[in-house]
Amino acid sequence: MPTLSDVSNECPTCVEYIDDMSSLHKSRWLDVFTSYKLNDSAVEKLREYCDKDEFVVLFADWCGDARKAVPALAQLEIELDIKIRALGGMTKPGFGSDKFWAVPPSPVEVDTFDIRSSPTIIIFRKDTGEEVGRILTKPKQTPTIEEEIVKVIDDVAAS
């Protein structure tokens, strides 16, 4: 089973990724970044988890759900003073392919972690590198991405 060590240490953070984006997508992503308001109670809860968990997001730049999630994750990076690895640039394969994503040019981690949707946020334990949960596309159980991360971690802790 793949672990955190299978994710490139060289990949940018969410903040760095947005800063370096092509102008084709950047302005819409920055609009979301500047207008998004983090849920304060979720941020405080995540503060407790930052020492033991690490987050990675894989996504396609053109994806509307990624355009909502990654800027929120960038705000979390700033607020919590953490780094969230951002593996963007996923692209669809040519017509007739049996793959979900074209690797390359999509990051190799797309195949390593069997990524099927954009964005996919993976939560890892820092000490073991093991995956403890994922969020696919958008929050399903809570209103915001940060609340969804808290829910996933809390559910793992309760089991």
Protein backbone atom coordinates (compact mmCIF):
# COMPACT_ATOMS: atom_id res chain seq x y z
CA MET A 1 0.00 0.00 0.00
CA PRO A 2 1.43 3.42 -0.95
CA THR A 3 2.45 5.80 1.85
CA LEU A 4 3.36 9.44 2.34
CA SER A 5 6.92 8.59 1.28
CA ASP A 6 5.54 7.92 -2.23
CA VAL A 7 4.62 11.59 -2.59
CA SER A 8 7.31 13.82 -4.05
CA ASN A 9 8.92 16.12 -1.51
CA GLU A 10 9.65 18.46 -4.41
CA CYS A 11 6.03 19.29 -5.16
CA PRO A 12 4.81 22.79 -4.29
CA THR A 13 2.45 23.71 -1.51
CA CYS A 14 -1.05 24.95 -2.30
CA VAL A 15 0.05 28.58 -1.86
CA GLU A 16 3.08 28.07 -4.12
CA TYR A 17 1.00 26.25 -6.73
CA ILE A 18 -1.52 29.08 -6.98
CA ASP A 19 1.27 31.69 -7.08
CA ASP A 20 2.93 29.87 -10.00
CA MET A 21 -0.24 29.05 -11.97
CA SER A 22 -0.65 30.09 -15.57
CA SER A 23 -2.76 33.17 -16.10
CA LEU A 24 -5.37 30.98 -17.82
CA HIS A 25 -6.66 29.76 -14.42
CA LYS A 26 -4.94 31.90 -11.80
CA SER A 27 -7.35 34.86 -11.60
CA ARG A 28 -10.37 32.65 -10.88
CA TRP A 29 -8.42 30.72 -8.24
CA LEU A 30 -7.28 33.97 -6.60
CA ASP A 31 -10.89 35.21 -6.56
CA VAL A 32 -11.87 32.15 -4.53
CA PHE A 33 -8.81 32.49 -2.29
CA THR A 34 -9.57 36.12 -1.41
CA SER A 35 -13.30 35.61 -0.86
CA TYR A 36 -13.27 32.29 1.03
CA LYS A 37 -13.88 32.45 4.80
CA LEU A 38 -12.49 29.53 6.80
CA ASN A 39 -14.69 27.94 9.46
CA ASP A 40 -13.02 29.07 12.71
CA SER A 41 -14.05 26.06 14.81
CA ALA A 42 -12.77 23.63 12.17
CA VAL A 43 -9.47 25.55 11.98
CA GLU A 44 -9.05 25.34 15.76
CA LYS A 45 -9.75 21.60 15.69
CA LEU A 46 -7.27 21.12 12.83
CA ARG A 47 -4.66 22.97 14.88
CA GLU A 48 -4.72 19.95 17.22
CA TYR A 49 -4.08 17.55 14.32
CA CYS A 50 -1.26 19.38 12.53
CA ASP A 51 1.48 17.69 14.55
CA LYS A 52 0.33 14.18 13.68
CA ASP A 53 -1.27 14.47 10.22
CA GLU A 54 -0.15 15.70 6.82
CA PHE A 55 -2.32 16.56 3.84
CA VAL A 56 -1.78 16.14 0.09
CA VAL A 57 -4.13 17.25 -2.68
CA LEU A 58 -4.14 15.98 -6.28
CA PHE A 59 -6.17 17.88 -8.86
CA ALA A 60 -6.74 19.17 -12.36
CA ASP A 61 -6.29 22.92 -12.81
CA TRP A 62 -9.45 23.19 -14.92
CA CYS A 63 -11.63 21.44 -12.33
CA GLY A 64 -14.31 23.61 -10.70
CA ASP A 65 -14.29 21.58 -7.47
CA ALA A 66 -10.49 21.95 -7.25
CA ARG A 67 -10.90 25.69 -7.79
CA LYS A 68 -12.99 25.73 -4.59
CA ALA A 69 -10.91 23.31 -2.49
CA VAL A 70 -7.29 24.25 -3.23
CA PRO A 71 -7.66 27.96 -2.36
CA ALA A 72 -9.33 26.93 0.92
CA LEU A 73 -6.41 24.57 1.58
CA ALA A 74 -4.01 27.43 0.78
CA GLN A 75 -5.76 29.53 3.43
CA LEU A 76 -5.39 26.63 5.90
CA GLU A 77 -1.67 26.52 5.15
CA ILE A 78 -1.33 30.17 6.05
CA GLU A 79 -3.62 30.07 9.08
CA LEU A 80 -2.08 26.89 10.56
CA ASP A 81 1.49 27.52 9.37
CA ILE A 82 1.66 24.11 7.68
CA LYS A 83 2.50 22.86 4.21
CA ILE A 84 -0.10 21.04 2.15
CA ARG A 85 1.50 19.37 -0.86
CA ALA A 86 -0.25 20.24 -4.12
CA LEU A 87 0.01 17.88 -7.08
CA GLY A 88 -1.88 19.68 -9.81
CA GLY A 89 -1.82 19.58 -13.56
CA MET A 90 -3.78 16.36 -13.91
CA THR A 91 -5.04 15.82 -17.45
CA LYS A 92 -7.47 13.40 -19.04
CA PRO A 93 -6.07 10.75 -21.39
CA GLY A 94 -6.91 10.61 -25.06
CA PHE A 95 -10.15 9.15 -26.37
CA GLY A 96 -10.37 5.38 -26.02
CA SER A 97 -8.00 5.10 -23.08
CA ASP A 98 -8.96 2.85 -20.17
CA LYS A 99 -7.16 5.18 -17.71
CA PHE A 100 -8.75 7.97 -15.68
CA TRP A 101 -5.76 10.32 -16.05
CA ALA A 102 -2.84 10.64 -18.46
CA VAL A 103 0.46 9.94 -16.67
CA PRO A 104 2.48 11.82 -17.79
CA PRO A 105 1.77 14.73 -17.92
CA SER A 106 -0.29 14.13 -14.76
CA PRO A 107 1.86 13.52 -11.67
CA VAL A 108 2.95 9.89 -11.22
CA GLU A 109 1.22 9.91 -7.81
CA VAL A 110 -2.09 9.79 -9.69
CA ASP A 111 -1.35 6.15 -10.56
CA THR A 112 0.46 5.39 -7.29
CA PHE A 113 -2.58 6.36 -5.22
CA ASP A 114 -5.23 5.27 -7.77
CA ILE A 115 -6.71 8.75 -8.07
CA ARG A 116 -10.11 8.70 -9.78
CA SER A 117 -11.44 12.21 -9.14
CA SER A 118 -10.33 15.82 -8.90
CA PRO A 119 -9.61 17.00 -6.35
CA THR A 120 -8.61 14.17 -4.06
CA ILE A 121 -7.32 15.15 -0.62
CA ILE A 122 -5.37 12.42 1.15
CA ILE A 123 -4.71 12.53 4.89
CA PHE A 124 -1.58 10.75 6.13
CA ARG A 125 -0.16 10.04 9.59
CA LYS A 126 3.23 11.72 9.84
CA ASP A 127 4.77 9.06 12.08
CA THR A 128 3.85 6.03 9.94
CA GLY A 129 3.18 7.64 6.57
CA GLU A 130 -0.02 5.61 6.32
CA GLU A 131 -3.10 6.99 4.63
CA VAL A 132 -5.92 7.46 7.12
CA GLY A 133 -8.54 8.93 4.83
CA ARG A 134 -9.44 10.76 1.64
CA ILE A 135 -11.91 13.30 0.45
CA LEU A 136 -13.05 12.90 -3.14
CA THR A 137 -14.15 15.87 -5.24
CA LYS A 138 -15.96 17.93 -2.56
CA PRO A 139 -17.26 17.69 1.01
CA LYS A 140 -20.02 15.11 1.29
CA GLN A 141 -20.82 15.19 5.02
CA THR A 142 -20.13 18.82 5.97
CA PRO A 143 -20.48 22.26 4.37
CA THR A 144 -16.73 23.08 4.02
CA ILE A 145 -13.54 21.30 3.09
CA GLU A 146 -11.90 22.10 6.43
CA GLU A 147 -14.89 20.68 8.33
CA GLU A 148 -14.75 17.58 6.12
CA ILE A 149 -11.07 17.05 6.98
CA VAL A 150 -11.92 17.29 10.69
CA LYS A 151 -14.77 14.78 10.22
CA VAL A 152 -12.53 12.28 8.46
CA ILE A 153 -9.86 12.52 11.16
CA ASP A 154 -12.41 12.35 13.98
CA ASP A 155 -14.05 9.29 12.39
CA VAL A 156 -10.66 7.54 12.20
CA ALA A 157 -9.94 8.39 15.84
CA ALA A 158 -13.33 7.02 16.90
CA SER A 159 -12.85 3.69 15.16
